[in-house]
Protein backbone atom coordinates (compact mmCIF):
# COMPACT_ATOMS: atom_id res chain seq x y z
CA MET A 1 -18.58 -34.22 -12.83
CA THR A 2 -20.49 -37.30 -11.76
CA ASP A 3 -18.78 -39.14 -14.97
CA PHE A 4 -15.52 -38.36 -13.42
CA LEU A 5 -16.69 -39.59 -10.22
CA ASN A 6 -18.10 -42.95 -11.55
CA THR A 7 -14.97 -42.99 -13.51
CA TRP A 8 -12.73 -42.80 -10.40
CA TRP A 9 -14.90 -44.94 -8.24
CA GLN A 10 -14.51 -48.03 -10.83
CA GLU A 11 -11.04 -47.56 -11.07
CA LEU A 12 -10.50 -48.43 -7.04
CA ASN A 13 -9.87 -51.46 -6.02
CA PHE A 14 -12.35 -53.43 -3.64
CA ASN A 15 -10.41 -52.27 -0.32
CA LEU A 16 -10.23 -48.45 -1.51
CA GLN A 17 -13.70 -48.59 -2.01
CA ILE A 18 -14.60 -49.84 1.36
CA PHE A 19 -11.90 -47.76 3.22
CA TYR A 20 -13.25 -44.82 1.15
CA GLY A 21 -16.49 -45.15 1.42
CA ILE A 22 -16.16 -45.92 5.75
CA GLY A 23 -13.88 -42.55 5.55
CA ILE A 24 -16.58 -40.33 3.53
CA ILE A 25 -19.60 -41.55 5.36
CA ALA A 26 -17.93 -41.10 8.54
CA ILE A 27 -16.73 -37.22 7.53
CA SER A 28 -20.06 -36.48 6.47
CA VAL A 29 -21.34 -37.46 10.14
CA LEU A 30 -18.49 -35.75 11.56
CA ILE A 31 -20.04 -32.54 9.36
CA ILE A 32 -23.21 -32.97 10.20
CA GLN A 33 -22.55 -33.37 14.02
CA MET A 34 -20.62 -30.05 13.75
CA ILE A 35 -23.12 -28.17 12.10
CA MET A 36 -25.87 -29.68 14.47
CA SER A 37 -23.82 -28.26 17.26
CA THR A 38 -22.41 -24.84 16.49
CA VAL A 39 -24.80 -23.71 14.02
CA LEU A 40 -28.21 -25.62 15.39
CA GLY A 41 -27.42 -25.25 19.00
CA VAL A 42 -28.21 -29.25 19.06
CA ASP A 43 -25.98 -31.72 20.68
CA SER A 44 -27.14 -35.27 20.33
CA ASP A 45 -24.36 -37.37 21.83
CA LEU A 46 -25.90 -40.28 22.95
CA ASP A 47 -24.17 -43.24 23.95
CA VAL A 48 -24.06 -46.70 21.92
CA GLY A 49 -24.62 -49.48 23.35
CA ASP A 50 -24.39 -50.27 27.21
CA PHE A 51 -21.00 -50.09 27.99
CA GLU A 52 -19.45 -49.34 31.02
CA LEU A 53 -16.25 -47.37 29.90
CA GLY A 54 -17.08 -43.62 30.71
CA ASP A 55 -17.14 -40.51 33.29
CA HIS A 56 -20.27 -41.63 34.73
CA ASP A 57 -20.70 -38.26 36.74
CA SER A 58 -20.88 -36.58 33.59
CA GLY A 59 -23.04 -39.03 31.41
CA LEU A 60 -19.82 -39.16 29.02
CA SER A 61 -18.74 -42.32 27.38
CA ILE A 62 -16.34 -43.77 25.31
CA PHE A 63 -18.81 -45.20 23.11
CA SER A 64 -21.15 -42.31 22.14
CA VAL A 65 -21.81 -41.40 18.81
CA ARG A 66 -18.88 -38.31 18.43
CA GLY A 67 -16.27 -41.51 19.97
CA VAL A 68 -17.48 -44.05 17.13
CA THR A 69 -17.58 -41.12 14.40
CA ALA A 70 -13.86 -40.93 15.33
CA PHE A 71 -13.02 -44.29 15.35
CA PHE A 72 -14.50 -44.41 11.99
CA VAL A 73 -12.79 -41.09 10.45
CA GLY A 74 -9.48 -42.56 11.44
CA PHE A 75 -10.17 -46.11 10.47
CA GLY A 76 -11.48 -45.32 7.15
CA TRP A 77 -8.81 -42.39 6.02
CA THR A 78 -5.94 -44.66 7.55
CA GLY A 79 -7.11 -47.43 5.56
CA VAL A 80 -7.17 -45.62 2.43
CA ILE A 81 -3.26 -44.16 3.27
CA CYS A 82 -1.93 -47.91 4.06
CA THR A 83 -3.81 -49.11 0.89
CA GLU A 84 -2.53 -46.76 -1.39
CA GLN A 85 0.71 -47.38 0.01
CA GLY A 86 0.91 -50.76 -0.79
CA LEU A 87 0.31 -52.10 2.27
CA GLY A 88 -1.27 -55.65 2.93
CA LEU A 89 -4.88 -56.10 3.96
CA PRO A 90 -3.81 -57.65 7.80
CA ILE A 91 -1.10 -54.89 8.34
CA THR A 92 -3.74 -52.02 7.36
CA LEU A 93 -6.67 -53.54 9.31
CA LEU A 94 -4.07 -53.12 12.54
CA ILE A 95 -3.00 -49.78 11.72
CA SER A 96 -6.47 -48.48 10.58
CA GLY A 97 -7.97 -50.14 13.73
CA THR A 98 -5.22 -48.72 16.39
CA VAL A 99 -5.85 -45.13 14.69
CA GLY A 100 -9.53 -45.22 14.93
CA VAL A 101 -9.23 -46.43 18.50
CA ALA A 102 -6.57 -44.06 19.53
CA MET A 103 -9.00 -41.27 17.95
CA MET A 104 -11.82 -42.47 19.88
CA GLY A 105 -9.85 -42.23 23.23
CA ALA A 106 -8.57 -38.72 21.93
CA ILE A 107 -12.23 -37.49 21.50
CA PHE A 108 -13.68 -39.04 24.85
CA MET A 109 -10.44 -37.20 26.85
CA MET A 110 -11.02 -33.82 25.07
CA MET A 111 -14.81 -34.51 26.12
CA ARG A 112 -14.05 -35.04 29.43
CA SER A 113 -11.70 -32.35 29.96
CA PHE A 114 -14.32 -29.77 28.17
CA MET A 115 -16.85 -31.22 31.02
CA LYS A 116 -14.83 -30.52 33.89
CA LEU A 117 -14.57 -26.95 32.50
CA GLN A 118 -18.69 -26.50 33.09
CA SER A 119 -20.00 -25.41 36.33
CA SER A 120 -23.78 -25.61 37.28
CA GLY A 121 -23.60 -22.07 38.37
CA THR A 122 -25.70 -23.18 41.28
CA LEU A 123 -24.44 -20.67 44.29
CA ASN A 124 -23.54 -22.59 47.43
CA TYR A 125 -23.92 -20.11 50.21
CA ALA A 126 -21.56 -21.88 52.36
CA ASN A 127 -18.89 -20.45 50.52
CA ALA A 128 -19.28 -17.22 51.92
CA ILE A 129 -18.26 -18.72 55.19
CA GLY A 130 -14.74 -16.55 56.32
CA GLN A 131 -15.74 -13.42 53.80
CA THR A 132 -16.29 -9.71 55.04
CA ALA A 133 -19.21 -8.38 53.89
CA THR A 134 -21.38 -5.17 54.12
CA VAL A 135 -24.80 -4.90 56.11
CA TYR A 136 -27.25 -3.62 53.26
CA VAL A 137 -30.52 -3.91 55.62
CA THR A 138 -30.48 -3.42 59.22
CA ILE A 139 -29.89 -6.86 60.66
CA PRO A 140 -32.19 -6.80 63.85
CA PRO A 141 -30.75 -8.07 67.40
CA SER A 142 -31.20 -11.87 68.56
CA MET A 143 -31.61 -13.53 65.37
CA GLY A 144 -34.14 -11.58 63.84
CA ASN A 145 -35.41 -11.76 60.40
CA GLY A 146 -35.06 -9.09 58.08
CA GLY A 147 -31.49 -8.36 57.43
CA GLN A 148 -29.79 -8.23 54.57
CA ILE A 149 -25.84 -8.24 53.08
CA GLU A 150 -23.91 -7.82 50.33
CA THR A 151 -20.88 -10.19 49.95
CA LEU A 152 -18.93 -12.36 47.04
CA ILE A 153 -19.91 -15.77 46.61
CA GLN A 154 -18.10 -17.54 43.73
CA GLY A 155 -17.09 -14.51 42.46
CA ARG A 156 -20.54 -12.98 42.27
CA LEU A 157 -21.81 -9.53 44.33
CA VAL A 158 -24.80 -11.40 46.11
CA THR A 159 -27.27 -9.79 48.61
CA ALA A 160 -28.38 -12.32 50.88
CA GLN A 161 -30.45 -12.77 53.98
CA ALA A 162 -28.43 -12.69 57.39
CA LEU A 163 -29.03 -12.91 60.77
CA GLN A 164 -26.88 -12.39 64.04
CA LYS A 165 -26.65 -13.35 67.49
CA GLY A 166 -25.82 -9.97 68.69
CA GLU A 167 -27.94 -7.78 71.13
CA THR A 168 -27.59 -4.70 68.84
CA SER A 169 -28.70 -4.17 65.52
CA LEU A 170 -26.28 -3.73 62.63
CA SER A 171 -26.93 -0.78 60.44
CA PRO A 172 -26.31 -0.36 56.46
CA GLY A 173 -22.64 0.11 56.25
CA THR A 174 -21.23 -1.88 58.83
CA LYS A 175 -19.14 -4.50 57.88
CA VAL A 176 -19.53 -8.05 59.41
CA LYS A 177 -17.74 -11.46 59.10
CA VAL A 178 -19.55 -14.30 57.60
CA ILE A 179 -19.73 -17.09 60.20
CA GLY A 180 -22.47 -19.67 59.17
CA THR A 181 -25.39 -20.72 57.23
CA VAL A 182 -28.74 -21.01 58.91
CA GLY A 183 -30.52 -23.19 55.76
CA PRO A 184 -29.61 -23.05 52.88
CA THR A 185 -29.90 -19.11 51.44
CA VAL A 186 -29.05 -17.34 54.92
CA LEU A 187 -26.09 -16.17 56.23
CA LEU A 188 -25.09 -15.88 60.09
CA VAL A 189 -22.91 -13.18 60.62
CA GLU A 190 -20.94 -11.13 63.44
CA ASN A 191 -20.01 -7.76 63.77
CA LEU A 192 -16.17 -7.06 63.07
């Protein structure tokens, strides 16, 4: 097998050796990245250089390891195809570079789309305002502490601390409406 590979490699012209070398190395790096991220759960997408192109809210950059790898995969294998089709080196470099940049941009756009699908998972209790809730633990009158309600916040059933301004206690099972927040995790309610 090694004799076959040596013979095949020696029969290639210099341009094909360069393009095959780039393509083989880039596809190997891509396979290693896929194995690391899917099997091992390691995400090693580092920024390359101090370029300012990217989505700074997510830390994602077009010049990431994935983006650069995608460029070289497109560049190398397009160079092989163009050279084997008999195109000259200048046009091969132009087409290969264009395909590489397109692949790098496509990977960036795809990763940015994936990043937008992520959520932090942090509950924002202000999202409960306007929701109907059920008293879980008696809510004392006049902003007294100790009451709790059950309500949906961001699609999750949550038991939250609750206060009310009314003059009578609200007993368990009473329907209330969330009208505000007191601090980050305490809800202000009123009797329905």
